[in-house]
Amino acid sequence: MCKGLVLFDYDGTLVDERDGIYTPTDLTKSAIRQLQEADYFCVLATGRALSYIPQAARSLGLDGFVASNGAYVVVHDKMIHHAKFEDDELQELIHYMDEHSINYFLEAADHSYVKDMQEKEYRHLMDLYQLPKEGFIPYQDWDQVRGKIEKITLFFQDRSFLEQVGHELEAKFLCSYHRGADSFDITKKGVHKGAGAQKIIEAFGIPMEATYAFGDGDNDVDLLKTVNCGIAMRKHNPLLDAVADMVCPTVKEEGIYTALKKMEVI
């Protein structure tokens, strides 16, 4: 029986590169164990594709993953949702990015396929968030990616051009901007972490009053809106101010453990 659901963003929530914390703390791990012992599902809700979720997250023994900003949802090794770009839509996007000399990687559950692995902003993002290099391979041809891409990350050398392209693509796609890098993600409209969380709630009949989520970024807005109690980390995007039910301390200050104890969930 599943008593409830707690979802955790990764970057800025379970870990925080700004404080040099690249693996979850012992108290965070303890909180997750206590939740699971109390029959709560513990799920990672991340912008990262399944192909580059780090070992530090996989080793937590979580019950599932809401990956690629909600496009891919798996619980206990069973996929329950997968929202992919249509082939013609993907081809149009690839043509657009190539025509405008935009570097990108195309994200799938098996790998992420990179246009230019030497480009500066791509390498910066890889270093900033210590993304596992084994999850990325060169994009060579259409047959590699046909029918399986769920999210795309775009890179820019010029901030004004990033904003221009973001404005254009937001008319048709959902864009999520990266902290500390000139890059952003796109998914199909309606594909976000909150929609992924809702798939789990419905599939397992989880009581809405026992649903919680922790996050810090613009891609966590819909996640915190979907659950009964949304918790923003102290270092958070201002967009979360309108949707968070509470604010907890930072990762360095053991915010997740502190908030769960304060709410008497553990």
Protein backbone atom coordinates (compact mmCIF):
# COMPACT_ATOMS: atom_id res chain seq x y z
CA MET A 1 0.00 0.00 0.00
CA CYS A 2 1.22 3.51 -0.85
CA LYS A 3 0.43 6.00 1.90
CA GLY A 4 1.67 9.07 0.03
CA LEU A 5 4.09 10.53 -2.47
CA VAL A 6 7.10 12.81 -2.08
CA LEU A 7 8.84 14.14 -5.18
CA PHE A 8 12.29 15.71 -5.21
CA ASP A 9 13.91 17.88 -7.84
CA TYR A 10 17.62 17.11 -8.20
CA ASP A 11 19.82 20.12 -9.05
CA GLY A 12 19.36 22.78 -6.37
CA THR A 13 17.21 20.50 -4.22
CA LEU A 14 18.81 17.12 -3.53
CA VAL A 15 22.19 18.59 -4.48
CA ASP A 16 23.42 22.13 -5.08
CA GLU A 17 26.38 22.95 -7.30
CA ARG A 18 26.44 26.50 -5.87
CA ASP A 19 27.65 25.11 -2.55
CA GLY A 20 29.76 22.35 -4.08
CA ILE A 21 27.30 19.63 -3.00
CA TYR A 22 27.10 17.02 -5.77
CA THR A 23 25.72 14.08 -3.79
CA PRO A 24 22.74 14.02 -1.40
CA THR A 25 23.65 14.49 2.25
CA ASP A 26 23.39 11.75 4.86
CA LEU A 27 20.39 13.48 6.47
CA THR A 28 18.62 13.67 3.10
CA LYS A 29 19.25 9.95 2.60
CA SER A 30 17.91 9.30 6.09
CA ALA A 31 14.75 11.29 5.33
CA ILE A 32 14.12 9.23 2.19
CA ARG A 33 14.59 5.96 4.09
CA GLN A 34 12.19 7.09 6.80
CA LEU A 35 9.59 8.10 4.21
CA GLN A 36 9.80 4.73 2.50
CA GLU A 37 9.56 2.91 5.83
CA ALA A 38 6.34 4.86 6.38
CA ASP A 39 5.03 3.64 2.97
CA TYR A 40 5.58 6.83 1.01
CA PHE A 41 6.74 6.62 -2.58
CA CYS A 42 9.90 8.70 -3.04
CA VAL A 43 10.38 9.88 -6.63
CA LEU A 44 12.97 11.98 -8.39
CA ALA A 45 11.38 14.75 -10.51
CA THR A 46 14.10 16.17 -12.69
CA GLY A 47 14.78 17.99 -15.91
CA ARG A 48 17.47 15.41 -16.60
CA ALA A 49 16.66 12.60 -19.00
CA LEU A 50 16.87 9.06 -17.66
CA SER A 51 20.03 8.67 -19.75
CA TYR A 52 21.98 11.10 -17.56
CA ILE A 53 20.57 10.72 -14.08
CA PRO A 54 23.73 10.35 -11.97
CA GLN A 55 24.67 7.36 -9.88
CA ALA A 56 24.33 9.52 -6.75
CA ALA A 57 20.58 9.70 -7.45
CA ARG A 58 20.19 6.11 -8.61
CA SER A 59 21.86 4.83 -5.46
CA LEU A 60 19.17 6.42 -3.25
CA GLY A 61 16.85 3.47 -3.87
CA LEU A 62 14.02 5.69 -5.06
CA ASP A 63 10.68 4.27 -6.12
CA GLY A 64 10.65 6.02 -9.45
CA PHE A 65 11.67 8.83 -11.75
CA VAL A 66 9.82 11.70 -13.39
CA ALA A 67 12.51 12.47 -15.95
CA SER A 68 12.91 14.97 -18.81
CA ASN A 69 10.64 17.49 -17.07
CA GLY A 70 7.77 15.00 -16.93
CA ALA A 71 8.11 13.42 -20.38
CA TYR A 72 9.25 10.04 -19.05
CA VAL A 73 7.76 8.48 -15.91
CA VAL A 74 8.81 5.15 -14.45
CA VAL A 75 7.85 3.58 -11.11
CA HIS A 76 9.41 0.37 -9.81
CA ASP A 77 11.05 -0.18 -13.21
CA LYS A 78 7.72 0.06 -15.06
CA MET A 79 7.19 2.92 -17.51
CA ILE A 80 3.79 4.51 -16.96
CA HIS A 81 4.10 7.56 -19.23
CA HIS A 82 6.22 8.64 -22.21
CA ALA A 83 5.57 11.88 -24.12
CA LYS A 84 7.74 12.12 -27.25
CA PHE A 85 8.09 14.62 -30.08
CA GLU A 86 6.37 13.53 -33.27
CA ASP A 87 8.88 12.71 -36.01
CA ASP A 88 7.83 15.57 -38.29
CA GLU A 89 7.91 17.97 -35.34
CA LEU A 90 11.40 16.80 -34.37
CA GLN A 91 12.69 17.08 -37.92
CA GLU A 92 11.38 20.62 -38.11
CA LEU A 93 13.14 21.53 -34.86
CA ILE A 94 16.42 19.98 -35.95
CA HIS A 95 16.23 21.91 -39.21
CA TYR A 96 15.48 25.14 -37.30
CA MET A 97 18.44 24.66 -34.93
CA ASP A 98 20.85 23.72 -37.72
CA GLU A 99 19.72 26.65 -39.84
CA HIS A 100 20.38 29.05 -36.95
CA SER A 101 23.71 27.39 -35.95
CA ILE A 102 22.35 26.43 -32.52
CA ASN A 103 24.09 23.59 -30.72
CA TYR A 104 21.78 21.08 -29.03
CA PHE A 105 21.32 17.65 -27.62
CA LEU A 106 18.30 15.45 -28.22
CA GLU A 107 17.25 13.59 -25.09
CA ALA A 108 15.98 10.03 -24.86
CA ALA A 109 15.90 7.37 -22.15
CA ASP A 110 18.87 5.48 -23.63
CA HIS A 111 21.21 8.37 -24.54
CA SER A 112 21.30 12.06 -25.24
CA TYR A 113 22.50 12.84 -28.76
CA VAL A 114 24.79 15.87 -29.04
CA LYS A 115 25.24 17.97 -32.19
CA ASP A 116 28.66 19.43 -31.17
CA MET A 117 30.40 17.93 -28.13
CA GLN A 118 33.23 20.49 -28.29
CA GLU A 119 31.07 23.64 -28.20
CA LYS A 120 31.79 25.91 -25.24
CA GLU A 121 28.34 26.26 -23.67
CA TYR A 122 27.67 22.51 -23.88
CA ARG A 123 30.96 21.81 -22.09
CA HIS A 124 30.14 24.51 -19.53
CA LEU A 125 26.79 22.89 -18.69
CA MET A 126 28.43 19.47 -18.42
CA ASP A 127 31.02 20.83 -15.98
CA LEU A 128 28.63 23.06 -14.01
CA TYR A 129 26.25 20.24 -13.12
CA GLN A 130 28.79 17.42 -13.41
CA LEU A 131 26.59 15.58 -15.89
CA PRO A 132 27.72 11.97 -16.42
CA LYS A 133 29.55 11.88 -19.76
CA GLU A 134 28.57 8.28 -20.46
CA GLY A 135 24.99 9.44 -21.01
CA PHE A 136 25.95 11.51 -24.09
CA ILE A 137 26.98 10.44 -27.57
CA PRO A 138 27.41 12.34 -30.88
CA TYR A 139 24.32 12.90 -32.99
CA GLN A 140 25.10 11.46 -36.41
CA ASP A 141 21.91 10.66 -38.26
CA TRP A 142 18.12 10.59 -38.11
CA ASP A 143 17.90 6.84 -37.48
CA GLN A 144 19.53 7.32 -34.06
CA VAL A 145 16.72 9.48 -32.76
CA ARG A 146 13.61 8.59 -34.73
CA GLY A 147 10.58 8.02 -32.49
CA LYS A 148 12.23 8.41 -29.10
CA ILE A 149 13.17 12.04 -28.33
CA GLU A 150 11.29 13.55 -25.38
CA LYS A 151 13.22 16.76 -24.64
CA ILE A 152 15.77 19.01 -26.34
CA THR A 153 18.42 21.24 -24.79
CA LEU A 154 19.62 24.25 -26.82
CA PHE A 155 22.89 26.20 -26.30
CA PHE A 156 23.75 29.79 -27.18
CA GLN A 157 26.85 31.95 -27.45
CA ASP A 158 24.80 35.14 -27.14
CA ARG A 159 22.26 35.87 -24.41
CA SER A 160 20.13 38.15 -26.57
CA PHE A 161 19.87 35.43 -29.22
CA LEU A 162 18.85 32.94 -26.51
CA GLU A 163 16.04 35.27 -25.46
CA GLN A 164 14.94 35.78 -29.07
CA VAL A 165 14.79 32.04 -29.80
CA GLY A 166 13.14 31.33 -26.46
CA HIS A 167 10.42 33.86 -27.25
CA GLU A 168 9.83 32.24 -30.65
CA LEU A 169 9.69 28.67 -29.33
CA GLU A 170 7.53 29.47 -26.31
CA ALA A 171 4.59 29.95 -28.68
CA LYS A 172 4.58 26.22 -29.39
CA PHE A 173 6.71 24.52 -26.74
CA LEU A 174 7.33 24.66 -23.01
CA CYS A 175 10.73 26.23 -22.30
CA SER A 176 12.72 25.87 -19.07
CA TYR A 177 15.81 28.02 -18.61
CA HIS A 178 18.99 26.82 -16.93
CA ARG A 179 20.54 28.51 -13.93
CA GLY A 180 24.10 29.67 -14.57
CA ALA A 181 24.22 28.73 -18.25
CA ASP A 182 23.13 30.14 -21.61
CA SER A 183 20.88 27.22 -22.46
CA PHE A 184 17.32 26.02 -22.06
CA ASP A 185 15.14 22.93 -22.48
CA ILE A 186 12.04 22.45 -24.58
CA THR A 187 9.28 19.87 -24.25
CA LYS A 188 5.86 19.59 -25.83
CA LYS A 189 3.16 21.86 -24.39
CA GLY A 190 1.52 20.23 -21.38
CA VAL A 191 4.61 18.12 -20.65
CA HIS A 192 6.02 19.15 -17.29
CA LYS A 193 6.91 17.67 -13.92
CA GLY A 194 3.44 18.30 -12.53
CA ALA A 195 1.84 16.26 -15.30
CA GLY A 196 4.32 13.45 -14.60
CA ALA A 197 3.50 13.54 -10.89
CA GLN A 198 -0.22 13.40 -11.70
CA LYS A 199 0.36 10.21 -13.70
CA ILE A 200 1.80 8.54 -10.59
CA ILE A 201 -0.97 9.83 -8.33
CA GLU A 202 -3.63 8.45 -10.66
CA ALA A 203 -1.87 5.14 -11.41
CA PHE A 204 -1.48 4.24 -7.75
CA GLY A 205 -4.52 5.95 -6.24
CA ILE A 206 -2.40 8.08 -3.94
CA PRO A 207 -4.40 10.37 -1.61
CA MET A 208 -3.87 13.95 -2.75
CA GLU A 209 -3.60 15.18 0.84
CA ALA A 210 -0.45 13.04 1.24
CA THR A 211 1.46 14.45 -1.73
CA TYR A 212 4.53 16.67 -1.35
CA ALA A 213 7.18 18.08 -3.66
CA PHE A 214 10.49 19.91 -3.21
CA GLY A 215 11.96 22.15 -5.91
CA ASP A 216 13.87 25.32 -6.69
CA GLY A 217 13.68 26.11 -10.42
CA ASP A 218 11.28 27.46 -13.01
CA ASN A 219 10.60 23.89 -14.15
CA ASP A 220 9.25 23.12 -10.66
CA VAL A 221 6.33 25.57 -10.82
CA ASP A 222 3.83 23.03 -12.16
CA LEU A 223 5.19 20.34 -9.85
CA LEU A 224 4.57 22.40 -6.72
CA LYS A 225 1.14 23.42 -8.04
CA THR A 226 0.11 19.80 -8.61
CA VAL A 227 0.76 18.36 -5.15
CA ASN A 228 -0.99 19.17 -1.91
CA CYS A 229 2.11 20.73 -0.35
CA GLY A 230 4.81 22.32 -2.48
CA ILE A 231 8.07 23.25 -0.78
CA ALA A 232 10.57 25.67 -2.32
CA MET A 233 14.21 25.57 -1.32
CA ARG A 234 15.46 28.83 0.18
CA LYS A 235 17.52 29.48 -2.97
CA HIS A 236 14.72 29.36 -5.52
CA ASN A 237 13.47 30.96 -8.71
CA PRO A 238 11.08 33.85 -7.89
CA LEU A 239 8.37 32.14 -9.97
CA LEU A 240 7.95 29.65 -7.13
CA ASP A 241 6.86 32.35 -4.70
CA ALA A 242 3.34 32.26 -6.12
CA VAL A 243 2.91 28.49 -5.82
CA ALA A 244 4.96 27.30 -2.83
CA ASP A 245 3.16 26.44 0.41
CA MET A 246 6.36 26.84 2.38
CA VAL A 247 10.06 27.60 2.00
CA CYS A 248 12.69 25.37 3.58
CA PRO A 249 16.41 25.89 4.21
CA THR A 250 19.03 25.21 1.54
CA VAL A 251 20.60 21.85 0.71
CA LYS A 252 23.64 22.86 2.75
CA GLU A 253 21.33 23.64 5.67
CA GLU A 254 19.56 20.23 5.38
CA GLY A 255 16.35 21.77 4.09
CA ILE A 256 14.58 18.55 3.07
CA TYR A 257 15.12 16.80 6.37
CA THR A 258 14.21 19.95 8.33
CA ALA A 259 10.96 20.51 6.41
CA LEU A 260 9.78 16.89 6.67
CA LYS A 261 10.44 16.89 10.42
CA LYS A 262 8.65 20.22 10.85
CA MET A 263 5.59 18.89 8.98
CA GLU A 264 5.82 15.65 11.02
CA VAL A 265 5.90 13.56 7.86
CA ILE A 266 8.94 11.76 9.30
